[in-house]
């Protein structure tokens, strides 16, 4: 048997899959430093962790109010805008990562 870990970030009814809990925490720390520097007028600070390195697939899923274990679907753009208050998918992903909770699960995979 082989086991694999699946890590996701859940915010409201939205889910994004990520590489690991550690990389999400590292990205969030860098993002908070960037926001603080911007508020202080320093626009030279960038996020040292690329969003593409955090995500395990550039896709937002929704559970359609079935909870994080429900059947996953793709949210409509209007749903993202109404629920998250953003129009761009990149901004929705950032909001989910910043405000959501990280959930890691291990699953066993049967071979043979």
PDB file of N, CA and C in Angstrom:
ATOM      1  N   UNK A   1       0.832  -1.186   0.000  1.00  0.00           N
ATOM      2  CA  UNK A   1       0.000   0.000   0.000  1.00  0.00           C
ATOM      3  C   UNK A   1       0.872   1.244   0.000  1.00  0.00           C
ATOM      4  N   UNK A   2       0.432   2.216  -0.713  1.00  0.00           N
ATOM      5  CA  UNK A   2       1.105   3.494  -0.779  1.00  0.00           C
ATOM      6  C   UNK A   2       0.171   4.538  -0.197  1.00  0.00           C
ATOM      7  N   UNK A   3       0.722   5.457   0.551  1.00  0.00           N
ATOM      8  CA  UNK A   3      -0.146   6.501   1.099  1.00  0.00           C
ATOM      9  C   UNK A   3       0.282   7.848   0.556  1.00  0.00           C
ATOM     10  N   UNK A   4      -0.678   8.733   0.448  1.00  0.00           N
ATOM     11  CA  UNK A   4      -0.396  10.077  -0.029  1.00  0.00           C
ATOM     12  C   UNK A   4      -1.108  11.083   0.837  1.00  0.00           C
ATOM     13  N   UNK A   5      -0.531  12.260   0.936  1.00  0.00           N
ATOM     14  CA  UNK A   5      -1.157  13.324   1.711  1.00  0.00           C
ATOM     15  C   UNK A   5      -1.816  14.300   0.758  1.00  0.00           C
ATOM     16  N   UNK A   6      -2.994  14.723   1.114  1.00  0.00           N
ATOM     17  CA  UNK A   6      -3.716  15.724   0.339  1.00  0.00           C
ATOM     18  C   UNK A   6      -3.928  16.924   1.252  1.00  0.00           C
ATOM     19  N   UNK A   7      -3.524  18.075   0.788  1.00  0.00           N
ATOM     20  CA  UNK A   7      -3.669  19.285   1.588  1.00  0.00           C
ATOM     21  C   UNK A   7      -4.512  20.279   0.812  1.00  0.00           C
ATOM     22  N   UNK A   8      -5.471  20.860   1.514  1.00  0.00           N
ATOM     23  CA  UNK A   8      -6.350  21.837   0.882  1.00  0.00           C
ATOM     24  C   UNK A   8      -6.578  22.984   1.844  1.00  0.00           C
ATOM     25  N   UNK A   9      -6.987  24.100   1.274  1.00  0.00           N
ATOM     26  CA  UNK A   9      -7.373  25.254   2.076  1.00  0.00           C
ATOM     27  C   UNK A   9      -8.853  25.488   1.807  1.00  0.00           C
ATOM     28  N   UNK A  10      -9.625  25.569   2.888  1.00  0.00           N
ATOM     29  CA  UNK A  10     -11.077  25.704   2.801  1.00  0.00           C
ATOM     30  C   UNK A  10     -11.488  27.063   3.358  1.00  0.00           C
ATOM     31  N   UNK A  11     -12.277  27.792   2.570  1.00  0.00           N
ATOM     32  CA  UNK A  11     -12.832  29.072   3.014  1.00  0.00           C
ATOM     33  C   UNK A  11     -14.270  29.144   2.520  1.00  0.00           C
ATOM     34  N   UNK A  12     -15.194  29.269   3.457  1.00  0.00           N
ATOM     35  CA  UNK A  12     -16.628  29.216   3.152  1.00  0.00           C
ATOM     36  C   UNK A  12     -16.900  27.903   2.413  1.00  0.00           C
ATOM     37  N   UNK A  13     -17.460  27.950   1.210  1.00  0.00           N
ATOM     38  CA  UNK A  13     -17.726  26.734   0.434  1.00  0.00           C
ATOM     39  C   UNK A  13     -16.682  26.509  -0.652  1.00  0.00           C
ATOM     40  N   UNK A  14     -15.531  27.178  -0.542  1.00  0.00           N
ATOM     41  CA  UNK A  14     -14.520  27.109  -1.589  1.00  0.00           C
ATOM     42  C   UNK A  14     -13.278  26.371  -1.114  1.00  0.00           C
ATOM     43  N   UNK A  15     -12.670  25.657  -2.035  1.00  0.00           N
ATOM     44  CA  UNK A  15     -11.492  24.839  -1.733  1.00  0.00           C
ATOM     45  C   UNK A  15     -10.455  25.031  -2.826  1.00  0.00           C
ATOM     46  N   UNK A  16      -9.185  25.162  -2.415  1.00  0.00           N
ATOM     47  CA  UNK A  16      -8.067  25.070  -3.348  1.00  0.00           C
ATOM     48  C   UNK A  16      -7.113  24.020  -2.791  1.00  0.00           C
ATOM     49  N   UNK A  17      -6.571  23.202  -3.670  1.00  0.00           N
ATOM     50  CA  UNK A  17      -5.596  22.202  -3.266  1.00  0.00           C
ATOM     51  C   UNK A  17      -4.209  22.814  -3.343  1.00  0.00           C
ATOM     52  N   UNK A  18      -3.384  22.496  -2.353  1.00  0.00           N
ATOM     53  CA  UNK A  18      -2.057  23.090  -2.240  1.00  0.00           C
ATOM     54  C   UNK A  18      -1.000  21.999  -2.108  1.00  0.00           C
ATOM     55  N   UNK A  19       0.258  22.401  -2.321  1.00  0.00           N
ATOM     56  CA  UNK A  19       1.373  21.455  -2.261  1.00  0.00           C
ATOM     57  C   UNK A  19       1.582  20.913  -0.844  1.00  0.00           C
ATOM     58  N   UNK A  20       1.583  21.815   0.144  1.00  0.00           N
ATOM     59  CA  UNK A  20       1.792  21.384   1.529  1.00  0.00           C
ATOM     60  C   UNK A  20       1.361  22.487   2.489  1.00  0.00           C
ATOM     61  N   UNK A  21       1.145  22.103   3.716  1.00  0.00           N
ATOM     62  CA  UNK A  21       0.788  23.069   4.754  1.00  0.00           C
ATOM     63  C   UNK A  21       1.934  24.053   4.974  1.00  0.00           C
ATOM     64  N   UNK A  22       3.160  23.549   4.932  1.00  0.00           N
ATOM     65  CA  UNK A  22       4.337  24.380   5.174  1.00  0.00           C
ATOM     66  C   UNK A  22       4.475  25.491   4.133  1.00  0.00           C
ATOM     67  N   UNK A  23       4.281  25.162   2.860  1.00  0.00           N
ATOM     68  CA  UNK A  23       4.435  26.169   1.806  1.00  0.00           C
ATOM     69  C   UNK A  23       3.329  27.220   1.892  1.00  0.00           C
ATOM     70  N   UNK A  24       2.132  26.813   2.314  1.00  0.00           N
ATOM     71  CA  UNK A  24       1.041  27.786   2.494  1.00  0.00           C
ATOM     72  C   UNK A  24       1.406  28.760   3.608  1.00  0.00           C
ATOM     73  N   UNK A  25       1.911  28.246   4.718  1.00  0.00           N
ATOM     74  CA  UNK A  25       2.297  29.111   5.839  1.00  0.00           C
ATOM     75  C   UNK A  25       3.418  30.063   5.432  1.00  0.00           C
ATOM     76  N   UNK A  26       4.381  29.560   4.681  1.00  0.00           N
ATOM     77  CA  UNK A  26       5.489  30.398   4.209  1.00  0.00           C
ATOM     78  C   UNK A  26       4.960  31.497   3.279  1.00  0.00           C
ATOM     79  N   UNK A  27       4.046  31.137   2.372  1.00  0.00           N
ATOM     80  CA  UNK A  27       3.459  32.119   1.452  1.00  0.00           C
ATOM     81  C   UNK A  27       2.671  33.176   2.224  1.00  0.00           C
ATOM     82  N   UNK A  28       1.868  32.730   3.212  1.00  0.00           N
ATOM     83  CA  UNK A  28       1.060  33.667   3.997  1.00  0.00           C
ATOM     84  C   UNK A  28       1.946  34.651   4.759  1.00  0.00           C
ATOM     85  N   UNK A  29       3.025  34.153   5.358  1.00  0.00           N
ATOM     86  CA  UNK A  29       3.946  35.039   6.076  1.00  0.00           C
ATOM     87  C   UNK A  29       4.529  36.090   5.137  1.00  0.00           C
ATOM     88  N   UNK A  30       4.965  35.651   3.960  1.00  0.00           N
ATOM     89  CA  UNK A  30       5.538  36.574   2.980  1.00  0.00           C
ATOM     90  C   UNK A  30       4.487  37.562   2.480  1.00  0.00           C
ATOM     91  N   UNK A  31       3.266  37.093   2.286  1.00  0.00           N
ATOM     92  CA  UNK A  31       2.183  37.963   1.809  1.00  0.00           C
ATOM     93  C   UNK A  31       1.843  39.028   2.854  1.00  0.00           C
ATOM     94  N   UNK A  32       1.823  38.647   4.136  1.00  0.00           N
ATOM     95  CA  UNK A  32       1.548  39.616   5.203  1.00  0.00           C
ATOM     96  C   UNK A  32       2.657  40.670   5.281  1.00  0.00           C
ATOM     97  N   UNK A  33       3.918  40.246   5.122  1.00  0.00           N
ATOM     98  CA  UNK A  33       5.035  41.199   5.127  1.00  0.00           C
ATOM     99  C   UNK A  33       4.907  42.169   3.959  1.00  0.00           C
ATOM    100  N   UNK A  34       4.503  41.643   2.806  1.00  0.00           N
ATOM    101  CA  UNK A  34       4.323  42.480   1.616  1.00  0.00           C
ATOM    102  C   UNK A  34       3.212  43.506   1.845  1.00  0.00           C
ATOM    103  N   UNK A  35       2.084  43.068   2.428  1.00  0.00           N
ATOM    104  CA  UNK A  35       0.968  43.981   2.691  1.00  0.00           C
ATOM    105  C   UNK A  35       1.369  45.062   3.693  1.00  0.00           C
ATOM    106  N   UNK A  36       2.103  44.669   4.736  1.00  0.00           N
ATOM    107  CA  UNK A  36       2.545  45.629   5.748  1.00  0.00           C
ATOM    108  C   UNK A  36       3.480  46.659   5.125  1.00  0.00           C
ATOM    109  N   UNK A  37       4.417  46.206   4.303  1.00  0.00           N
ATOM    110  CA  UNK A  37       5.353  47.118   3.646  1.00  0.00           C
ATOM    111  C   UNK A  37       4.617  48.081   2.722  1.00  0.00           C
ATOM    112  N   UNK A  38       3.608  47.587   2.019  1.00  0.00           N
ATOM    113  CA  UNK A  38       2.824  48.437   1.119  1.00  0.00           C
ATOM    114  C   UNK A  38       2.085  49.515   1.907  1.00  0.00           C
ATOM    115  N   UNK A  39       1.512  49.138   3.053  1.00  0.00           N
ATOM    116  CA  UNK A  39       0.819  50.115   3.899  1.00  0.00           C
ATOM    117  C   UNK A  39       1.776  51.183   4.420  1.00  0.00           C
ATOM    118  N   UNK A  40       3.034  50.792   4.622  1.00  0.00           N
ATOM    119  CA  UNK A  40       4.043  51.731   5.111  1.00  0.00           C
ATOM    120  C   UNK A  40       4.684  52.516   3.973  1.00  0.00           C
ATOM    121  N   UNK A  41       4.226  52.287   2.748  1.00  0.00           N
ATOM    122  CA  UNK A  41       4.732  53.038   1.609  1.00  0.00           C
ATOM    123  C   UNK A  41       5.915  52.410   0.896  1.00  0.00           C
ATOM    124  N   UNK A  42       6.343  51.236   1.328  1.00  0.00           N
ATOM    125  CA  UNK A  42       7.473  50.549   0.688  1.00  0.00           C
ATOM    126  C   UNK A  42       6.927  49.568  -0.337  1.00  0.00           C
ATOM    127  N   UNK A  43       7.011  49.933  -1.599  1.00  0.00           N
ATOM    128  CA  UNK A  43       6.477  49.078  -2.659  1.00  0.00           C
ATOM    129  C   UNK A  43       7.536  48.157  -3.251  1.00  0.00           C
ATOM    130  N   UNK A  44       8.736  48.167  -2.674  1.00  0.00           N
ATOM    131  CA  UNK A  44       9.816  47.340  -3.209  1.00  0.00           C
ATOM    132  C   UNK A  44       9.771  45.903  -2.698  1.00  0.00           C
ATOM    133  N   UNK A  45       8.962  45.644  -1.677  1.00  0.00           N
ATOM    134  CA  UNK A  45       8.890  44.303  -1.092  1.00  0.00           C
ATOM    135  C   UNK A  45       7.934  43.445  -1.908  1.00  0.00           C
ATOM    136  N   UNK A  46       8.416  42.308  -2.356  1.00  0.00           N
ATOM    137  CA  UNK A  46       7.582  41.366  -3.097  1.00  0.00           C
ATOM    138  C   UNK A  46       7.444  40.079  -2.307  1.00  0.00           C
ATOM    139  N   UNK A  47       6.548  39.221  -2.729  1.00  0.00           N
ATOM    140  CA  UNK A  47       6.380  37.934  -2.067  1.00  0.00           C
ATOM    141  C   UNK A  47       7.433  36.980  -2.605  1.00  0.00           C
ATOM    142  N   UNK A  48       8.217  36.404  -1.702  1.00  0.00           N
ATOM    143  CA  UNK A  48       9.312  35.520  -2.104  1.00  0.00           C
ATOM    144  C   UNK A  48       8.831  34.126  -2.496  1.00  0.00           C
ATOM    145  N   UNK A  49       7.553  33.840  -2.287  1.00  0.00           N
ATOM    146  CA  UNK A  49       6.989  32.539  -2.650  1.00  0.00           C
ATOM    147  C   UNK A  49       5.943  32.769  -3.739  1.00  0.00           C
ATOM    148  N   UNK A  50       6.183  32.185  -4.898  1.00  0.00           N
ATOM    149  CA  UNK A  50       5.245  32.348  -6.016  1.00  0.00           C
ATOM    150  C   UNK A  50       3.980  31.536  -5.762  1.00  0.00           C
ATOM    151  N   UNK A  51       2.853  32.112  -6.113  1.00  0.00           N
ATOM    152  CA  UNK A  51       1.564  31.451  -5.920  1.00  0.00           C
ATOM    153  C   UNK A  51       1.506  30.117  -6.658  1.00  0.00           C
ATOM    154  N   UNK A  52       2.121  30.059  -7.813  1.00  0.00           N
ATOM    155  CA  UNK A  52       2.120  28.824  -8.604  1.00  0.00           C
ATOM    156  C   UNK A  52       2.850  27.692  -7.868  1.00  0.00           C
ATOM    157  N   UNK A  53       3.795  28.036  -6.988  1.00  0.00           N
ATOM    158  CA  UNK A  53       4.510  27.025  -6.205  1.00  0.00           C
ATOM    159  C   UNK A  53       3.701  26.548  -5.004  1.00  0.00           C
ATOM    160  N   UNK A  54       2.688  27.298  -4.636  1.00  0.00           N
ATOM    161  CA  UNK A  54       1.838  26.955  -3.489  1.00  0.00           C
ATOM    162  C   UNK A  54       0.721  26.003  -3.902  1.00  0.00           C
ATOM    163  N   UNK A  55       0.134  26.274  -5.055  1.00  0.00           N
ATOM    164  CA  UNK A  55      -1.048  25.534  -5.495  1.00  0.00           C
ATOM    165  C   UNK A  55      -0.703  24.189  -6.112  1.00  0.00           C
ATOM    166  N   UNK A  56      -1.588  23.239  -5.909  1.00  0.00           N
ATOM    167  CA  UNK A  56      -1.510  21.938  -6.576  1.00  0.00           C
ATOM    168  C   UNK A  56      -2.615  21.941  -7.633  1.00  0.00           C
ATOM    169  N   UNK A  57      -2.391  22.706  -8.685  1.00  0.00           N
ATOM    170  CA  UNK A  57      -3.412  22.907  -9.714  1.00  0.00           C
ATOM    171  C   UNK A  57      -4.058  24.261  -9.528  1.00  0.00           C
ATOM    172  N   UNK A  58      -4.157  25.020 -10.593  1.00  0.00           N
ATOM    173  CA  UNK A  58      -4.693  26.384 -10.533  1.00  0.00           C
ATOM    174  C   UNK A  58      -6.202  26.334 -10.716  1.00  0.00           C
ATOM    175  N   UNK A  59      -6.917  25.874  -9.681  1.00  0.00           N
ATOM    176  CA  UNK A  59      -8.357  25.703  -9.812  1.00  0.00           C
ATOM    177  C   UNK A  59      -9.020  25.887  -8.457  1.00  0.00           C
ATOM    178  N   UNK A  60     -10.154  26.560  -8.489  1.00  0.00           N
ATOM    179  CA  UNK A  60     -10.984  26.730  -7.298  1.00  0.00           C
ATOM    180  C   UNK A  60     -12.148  25.759  -7.411  1.00  0.00           C
ATOM    181  N   UNK A  61     -12.443  25.090  -6.310  1.00  0.00           N
ATOM    182  CA  UNK A  61     -13.576  24.174  -6.257  1.00  0.00           C
ATOM    183  C   UNK A  61     -14.600  24.703  -5.264  1.00  0.00           C
ATOM    184  N   UNK A  62     -15.831  24.252  -5.419  1.00  0.00           N
ATOM    185  CA  UNK A  62     -16.883  24.572  -4.461  1.00  0.00           C
ATOM    186  C   UNK A  62     -17.586  23.280  -4.065  1.00  0.00           C
ATOM    187  N   UNK A  63     -18.101  23.283  -2.841  1.00  0.00           N
ATOM    188  CA  UNK A  63     -18.833  22.111  -2.354  1.00  0.00           C
ATOM    189  C   UNK A  63     -20.335  22.325  -2.458  1.00  0.00           C
ATOM    190  N   UNK A  64     -20.749  23.492  -2.937  1.00  0.00           N
ATOM    191  CA  UNK A  64     -22.176  23.833  -3.050  1.00  0.00           C
ATOM    192  C   UNK A  64     -22.903  23.578  -1.733  1.00  0.00           C
ATOM    193  N   UNK A  65     -22.326  24.089  -0.645  1.00  0.00           N
ATOM    194  CA  UNK A  65     -22.900  24.032   0.714  1.00  0.00           C
ATOM    195  C   UNK A  65     -22.983  22.627   1.293  1.00  0.00           C
ATOM    196  N   UNK A  66     -22.172  21.697   0.792  1.00  0.00           N
ATOM    197  CA  UNK A  66     -22.178  20.332   1.330  1.00  0.00           C
ATOM    198  C   UNK A  66     -21.047  20.096   2.322  1.00  0.00           C
ATOM    199  N   UNK A  67     -20.268  21.123   2.639  1.00  0.00           N
ATOM    200  CA  UNK A  67     -19.141  20.972   3.539  1.00  0.00           C
ATOM    201  C   UNK A  67     -17.904  20.519   2.784  1.00  0.00           C
ATOM    202  N   UNK A  68     -16.739  20.562   3.437  1.00  0.00           N
ATOM    203  CA  UNK A  68     -15.483  20.265   2.750  1.00  0.00           C
ATOM    204  C   UNK A  68     -15.350  18.823   2.267  1.00  0.00           C
ATOM    205  N   UNK A  69     -16.212  17.927   2.707  1.00  0.00           N
ATOM    206  CA  UNK A  69     -16.149  16.531   2.268  1.00  0.00           C
ATOM    207  C   UNK A  69     -17.138  16.236   1.147  1.00  0.00           C
ATOM    208  N   UNK A  70     -17.903  17.231   0.742  1.00  0.00           N
ATOM    209  CA  UNK A  70     -18.924  17.032  -0.286  1.00  0.00           C
ATOM    210  C   UNK A  70     -18.346  16.878  -1.682  1.00  0.00           C
ATOM    211  N   UNK A  71     -19.233  16.675  -2.633  1.00  0.00           N
ATOM    212  CA  UNK A  71     -18.855  16.553  -4.038  1.00  0.00           C
ATOM    213  C   UNK A  71     -18.354  17.913  -4.515  1.00  0.00           C
ATOM    214  N   UNK A  72     -17.201  17.917  -5.178  1.00  0.00           N
ATOM    215  CA  UNK A  72     -16.607  19.169  -5.623  1.00  0.00           C
ATOM    216  C   UNK A  72     -17.078  19.545  -7.018  1.00  0.00           C
ATOM    217  N   UNK A  73     -17.360  20.814  -7.191  1.00  0.00           N
ATOM    218  CA  UNK A  73     -17.734  21.353  -8.491  1.00  0.00           C
ATOM    219  C   UNK A  73     -16.938  22.614  -8.761  1.00  0.00           C
ATOM    220  N   UNK A  74     -17.200  23.222  -9.889  1.00  0.00           N
ATOM    221  CA  UNK A  74     -16.530  24.465 -10.259  1.00  0.00           C
ATOM    222  C   UNK A  74     -17.487  25.628 -10.027  1.00  0.00           C
ATOM    223  N   UNK A  75     -17.075  26.631  -9.249  1.00  0.00           N
ATOM    224  CA  UNK A  75     -17.971  27.758  -8.998  1.00  0.00           C
ATOM    225  C   UNK A  75     -18.078  28.676 -10.213  1.00  0.00           C
ATOM    226  N   UNK A  76     -19.230  29.288 -10.358  1.00  0.00           N
ATOM    227  CA  UNK A  76     -19.424  30.299 -11.402  1.00  0.00           C
ATOM    228  C   UNK A  76     -18.689  31.570 -10.982  1.00  0.00           C
ATOM    229  N   UNK A  77     -18.301  32.373 -11.960  1.00  0.00           N
ATOM    230  CA  UNK A  77     -17.622  33.636 -11.651  1.00  0.00           C
ATOM    231  C   UNK A  77     -18.496  34.525 -10.772  1.00  0.00           C
ATOM    232  N   UNK A  78     -19.803  34.498 -11.010  1.00  0.00           N
ATOM    233  CA  UNK A  78     -20.714  35.308 -10.195  1.00  0.00           C
ATOM    234  C   UNK A  78     -20.731  34.824  -8.746  1.00  0.00           C
ATOM    235  N   UNK A  79     -20.580  33.530  -8.543  1.00  0.00           N
ATOM    236  CA  UNK A  79     -20.540  32.973  -7.188  1.00  0.00           C
ATOM    237  C   UNK A  79     -19.291  33.457  -6.451  1.00  0.00           C
ATOM    238  N   UNK A  80     -18.152  33.465  -7.150  1.00  0.00           N
ATOM    239  CA  UNK A  80     -16.914  33.969  -6.546  1.00  0.00           C
ATOM    240  C   UNK A  80     -17.057  35.445  -6.190  1.00  0.00           C
ATOM    241  N   UNK A  81     -17.647  36.199  -7.103  1.00  0.00           N
ATOM    242  CA  UNK A  81     -17.801  37.635  -6.870  1.00  0.00           C
ATOM    243  C   UNK A  81     -18.766  37.909  -5.717  1.00  0.00           C
ATOM    244  N   UNK A  82     -19.889  37.188  -5.675  1.00  0.00           N
ATOM    245  CA  UNK A  82     -20.887  37.403  -4.622  1.00  0.00           C
ATOM    246  C   UNK A  82     -20.388  36.961  -3.251  1.00  0.00           C
ATOM    247  N   UNK A  83     -19.731  35.817  -3.183  1.00  0.00           N
ATOM    248  CA  UNK A  83     -19.294  35.256  -1.901  1.00  0.00           C
ATOM    249  C   UNK A  83     -17.981  35.849  -1.395  1.00  0.00           C
ATOM    250  N   UNK A  84     -17.052  36.128  -2.329  1.00  0.00           N
ATOM    251  CA  UNK A  84     -15.720  36.569  -1.923  1.00  0.00           C
ATOM    252  C   UNK A  84     -15.468  38.052  -2.171  1.00  0.00           C
ATOM    253  N   UNK A  85     -16.325  38.680  -2.976  1.00  0.00           N
ATOM    254  CA  UNK A  85     -16.172  40.101  -3.239  1.00  0.00           C
ATOM    255  C   UNK A  85     -15.040  40.451  -4.187  1.00  0.00           C
ATOM    256  N   UNK A  86     -14.633  39.501  -5.016  1.00  0.00           N
ATOM    257  CA  UNK A  86     -13.556  39.742  -5.984  1.00  0.00           C
ATOM    258  C   UNK A  86     -13.996  39.269  -7.366  1.00  0.00           C
ATOM    259  N   UNK A  87     -13.429  39.883  -8.397  1.00  0.00           N
ATOM    260  CA  UNK A  87     -13.799  39.520  -9.763  1.00  0.00           C
ATOM    261  C   UNK A  87     -12.795  38.574 -10.405  1.00  0.00           C
ATOM    262  N   UNK A  88     -11.513  38.720 -10.055  1.00  0.00           N
ATOM    263  CA  UNK A  88     -10.463  37.921 -10.685  1.00  0.00           C
ATOM    264  C   UNK A  88     -10.227  36.626  -9.915  1.00  0.00           C
ATOM    265  N   UNK A  89      -9.986  35.558 -10.657  1.00  0.00           N
ATOM    266  CA  UNK A  89      -9.727  34.259 -10.034  1.00  0.00           C
ATOM    267  C   UNK A  89      -8.472  34.304  -9.165  1.00  0.00           C
ATOM    268  N   UNK A  90      -7.436  35.016  -9.600  1.00  0.00           N
ATOM    269  CA  UNK A  90      -6.207  35.147  -8.808  1.00  0.00           C
ATOM    270  C   UNK A  90      -6.501  35.756  -7.439  1.00  0.00           C
ATOM    271  N   UNK A  91      -7.341  36.796  -7.425  1.00  0.00           N
ATOM    272  CA  UNK A  91      -7.701  37.447  -6.164  1.00  0.00           C
ATOM    273  C   UNK A  91      -8.526  36.515  -5.281  1.00  0.00           C
ATOM    274  N   UNK A  92      -9.384  35.711  -5.895  1.00  0.00           N
ATOM    275  CA  UNK A  92     -10.184  34.738  -5.139  1.00  0.00           C
ATOM    276  C   UNK A  92      -9.273  33.697  -4.495  1.00  0.00           C
ATOM    277  N   UNK A  93      -8.287  33.218  -5.242  1.00  0.00           N
ATOM    278  CA  UNK A  93      -7.347  32.234  -4.699  1.00  0.00           C
ATOM    279  C   UNK A  93      -6.578  32.834  -3.531  1.00  0.00           C
ATOM    280  N   UNK A  94      -6.102  34.059  -3.692  1.00  0.00           N
ATOM    281  CA  UNK A  94      -5.374  34.727  -2.602  1.00  0.00           C
ATOM    282  C   UNK A  94      -6.254  34.852  -1.350  1.00  0.00           C
ATOM    283  N   UNK A  95      -7.504  35.236  -1.543  1.00  0.00           N
ATOM    284  CA  UNK A  95      -8.418  35.404  -0.404  1.00  0.00           C
ATOM    285  C   UNK A  95      -8.656  34.063   0.295  1.00  0.00           C
ATOM    286  N   UNK A  96      -8.850  33.007  -0.470  1.00  0.00           N
ATOM    287  CA  UNK A  96      -9.058  31.673   0.106  1.00  0.00           C
ATOM    288  C   UNK A  96      -7.828  31.253   0.904  1.00  0.00           C
ATOM    289  N   UNK A  97      -6.639  31.468   0.338  1.00  0.00           N
ATOM    290  CA  UNK A  97      -5.403  31.091   1.029  1.00  0.00           C
ATOM    291  C   UNK A  97      -5.186  31.910   2.296  1.00  0.00           C
ATOM    292  N   UNK A  98      -5.469  33.203   2.240  1.00  0.00           N
ATOM    293  CA  UNK A  98      -5.232  34.075   3.389  1.00  0.00           C
ATOM    294  C   UNK A  98      -6.244  33.872   4.512  1.00  0.00           C
ATOM    295  N   UNK A  99      -7.491  33.629   4.169  1.00  0.00           N
ATOM    296  CA  UNK A  99      -8.545  33.588   5.183  1.00  0.00           C
ATOM    297  C   UNK A  99      -9.061  32.185   5.490  1.00  0.00           C
ATOM    298  N   UNK A 100      -8.666  31.219   4.684  1.00  0.00           N
ATOM    299  CA  UNK A 100      -9.162  29.863   4.865  1.00  0.00           C
ATOM    300  C   UNK A 100      -8.371  29.058   5.883  1.00  0.00           C
ATOM    301  N   UNK A 101      -8.869  27.874   6.160  1.00  0.00           N
ATOM    302  CA  UNK A 101      -8.190  26.960   7.083  1.00  0.00           C
ATOM    303  C   UNK A 101      -7.551  25.821   6.285  1.00  0.00           C
ATOM    304  N   UNK A 102      -6.367  25.441   6.727  1.00  0.00           N
ATOM    305  CA  UNK A 102      -5.613  24.382   6.060  1.00  0.00           C
ATOM    306  C   UNK A 102      -6.067  23.038   6.613  1.00  0.00           C
ATOM    307  N   UNK A 103      -6.341  22.098   5.715  1.00  0.00           N
ATOM    308  CA  UNK A 103      -6.738  20.748   6.120  1.00  0.00           C
ATOM    309  C   UNK A 103      -5.873  19.742   5.374  1.00  0.00           C
ATOM    310  N   UNK A 104      -5.201  18.891   6.135  1.00  0.00           N
ATOM    311  CA  UNK A 104      -4.371  17.842   5.536  1.00  0.00           C
ATOM    312  C   UNK A 104      -4.961  16.488   5.879  1.00  0.00           C
ATOM    313  N   UNK A 105      -4.996  15.619   4.892  1.00  0.00           N
ATOM    314  CA  UNK A 105      -5.480  14.257   5.109  1.00  0.00           C
ATOM    315  C   UNK A 105      -4.512  13.287   4.466  1.00  0.00           C
ATOM    316  N   UNK A 106      -4.421  12.124   5.046  1.00  0.00           N
ATOM    317  CA  UNK A 106      -3.623  11.060   4.450  1.00  0.00           C
ATOM    318  C   UNK A 106      -4.577   9.997   3.958  1.00  0.00           C
ATOM    319  N   UNK A 107      -4.327   9.532   2.751  1.00  0.00           N
ATOM    320  CA  UNK A 107      -5.185   8.485   2.209  1.00  0.00           C
ATOM    321  C   UNK A 107      -4.329   7.298   1.815  1.00  0.00           C
ATOM    322  N   UNK A 108      -4.863   6.139   2.005  1.00  0.00           N
ATOM    323  CA  UNK A 108      -4.167   4.914   1.628  1.00  0.00           C
ATOM    324  C   UNK A 108      -4.596   4.527   0.225  1.00  0.00           C
ATOM    325  N   UNK A 109      -3.626   4.142  -0.571  1.00  0.00           N
ATOM    326  CA  UNK A 109      -3.905   3.736  -1.944  1.00  0.00           C
ATOM    327  C   UNK A 109      -3.576   2.258  -2.066  1.00  0.00           C
ATOM    328  N   UNK A 110      -4.537   1.468  -2.474  1.00  0.00           N
ATOM    329  CA  UNK A 110      -4.324   0.030  -2.608  1.00  0.00           C
ATOM    330  C   UNK A 110      -3.701  -0.272  -3.957  1.00  0.00           C
ATOM    331  N   UNK A 111      -2.721  -1.110  -3.926  1.00  0.00           N
ATOM    332  CA  UNK A 111      -2.076  -1.552  -5.156  1.00  0.00           C
ATOM    333  C   UNK A 111      -2.355  -3.030  -5.349  1.00  0.00           C
ATOM    334  N   UNK A 112      -2.678  -3.391  -6.571  1.00  0.00           N
ATOM    335  CA  UNK A 112      -2.846  -4.811  -6.878  1.00  0.00           C
ATOM    336  C   UNK A 112      -4.202  -5.281  -6.860  1.00  0.00           C
TER     337      UNK A 112
END
